[in-house]
């Protein structure tokens, strides 16, 4: 797990003295809308021949490549079997552009760690409270915060004032402001605005954020930086579609903003107009995607996306949210997750996120993730004879029959830009299978019970006084019927078995590959991810088989249903009552 490729989820704890408000991590499913070292730094280099180009590329050549990339990334999403080919084609175009832009990116002299002292000094000068730790290298975890004294659990050890934060509000007040207010994409997507804001400030040697920007990784470990053969290791996994979409969205946005910066009248004063490479945008996207959080606006009425210097050096571990925003003192505050001894690494908890989420949006795999899970898509066909009754029961239980891709104001413009023709189509619901001992969530259990109900069971659930039965749908201890339980576990076993067939390797083969000493960090993370997905599915399969056998035994022994279950009115075990 590398620090350079993480994004945090933070929440506030209640305080009797200070008023905290929740800080929410934005998880981006697009490149940097919402979810990171290595290369030697160079000074800024710019060659003649046009914006963002080497001397070997003419303006016309670059314009043609950009137009081709934008068109390729804006067509309707292909079928699942064609996604890999589309990804390869988009990568090929991007590599042509990167080759022509070689040497044009803005970078800083020196290694990243050589700027850490400037970061800490700037933080202290700016009013941050950061005396109990230092920035240190923790090997495979990358850089993090190391305690320089004993710190007690819940002790306030870090405070970062608003003036240090880079936010969508500060972007509006910057040289980028006029363009942000006029372009429909930038107005709708604050995280994209934050990425461009970061690039503009990086190109400004007098920016107040120079100490922070110089401390950021030069490269990240998000899939945007993976080699083609490393991405291939993800084929068959649930995360691979998100990886494809992430790259496609990043390429599309880059092409769009490249054209915008050359044509929009307010872009003439921006440093990006003269030098805006794909590598620049990929870096900014990864910086924001791995680090952005939501904090209250200055008046406290809304939220704004923010990069929080120094605090974003903290690495992740299991635990609870210990960071919040103090509106009274107008600063981000973090208390210790547990007791820390001097020289120990100080961790924070990023939130209850899956390894697929960490991998795609943060660029790391967390081996001991207690909240890991995989997705399972389920829905009820409208052509099914009992569809209306099942839909009604699910509606009363607050569970959707299927999801519809509705335009949201924050993403509508970018979908139009993408030519998204899936808009408005009905899709399956996405549920989760968890790593827990009982892998099925309460909502998924309720959905499966309704999905497998007979007509009589559906009718019994729709009578006027059936509220308890509806509420009990999500409770393990109150089955609809033994037969219903057997049907739902049989169905789930079948679906999980199908998901397992998507993988191109076995768990044993994955473990053998992980023993290879020359495996790249990217490849190791990818293999760990696909192995973790399989382990969850295999555990779910075993759980389903055990549940199936359990309920078969109940039928064989003629055991009665629990009295608060879904028994019909004539069931004497419940005395004809819906009440406990």
Foldseek 3Di string as FASTA:
>chain_A
DALLFFAFAFQADDDPVFDWGTKGAFADLALQFRAWADDAWDAADADDAFALFHPVDHPVNLLVLLVVLLVLLQDEDDPPVCLLVSLVVSVVSQVVQCVGNPRHDHTDHDDLVVLQVVLVVLQVVVPKQADQWGWDQDPPHGIFTFGQAKAAFQAWHIKGFPVLKQWLVVLCVDLNNVVCVPDLQSVLGRRLSSLVSLLQQSVDPPRSCVSQNSNRHHGTQALLPDDSVLLVLQFLPPLSVSSSNHNSSLSNVLSVVLVCLCPPPSNPVGPNRRHPGSSSSSVSSSLNNRYWIWAADLVRPHIIIIGTGPVSRAAADDADRFWTARNVRRIIIGGARRIDHGRDGTHGHRDLDAQSSCCNRRNFGDLPRQNHKDKDFDADDPPDPCVVLLQVLCVLLVHHRWDAQADDSSCNVVSVSSNHPSHGPTGTDIAIQGPDLARHALNRQLSLLSVQDDPVLSVQCPDDPNSLQSVCSSPPQAHLALVSLLVSLVVLLVRLVVSLVSDPDDLVVLVVVLPDPPQDNSSNRSSSVRSVNNVSSVSSNVVSVVSNVVSVVCVVVVPDGQLCHNDGQVPVNVPSDNDD
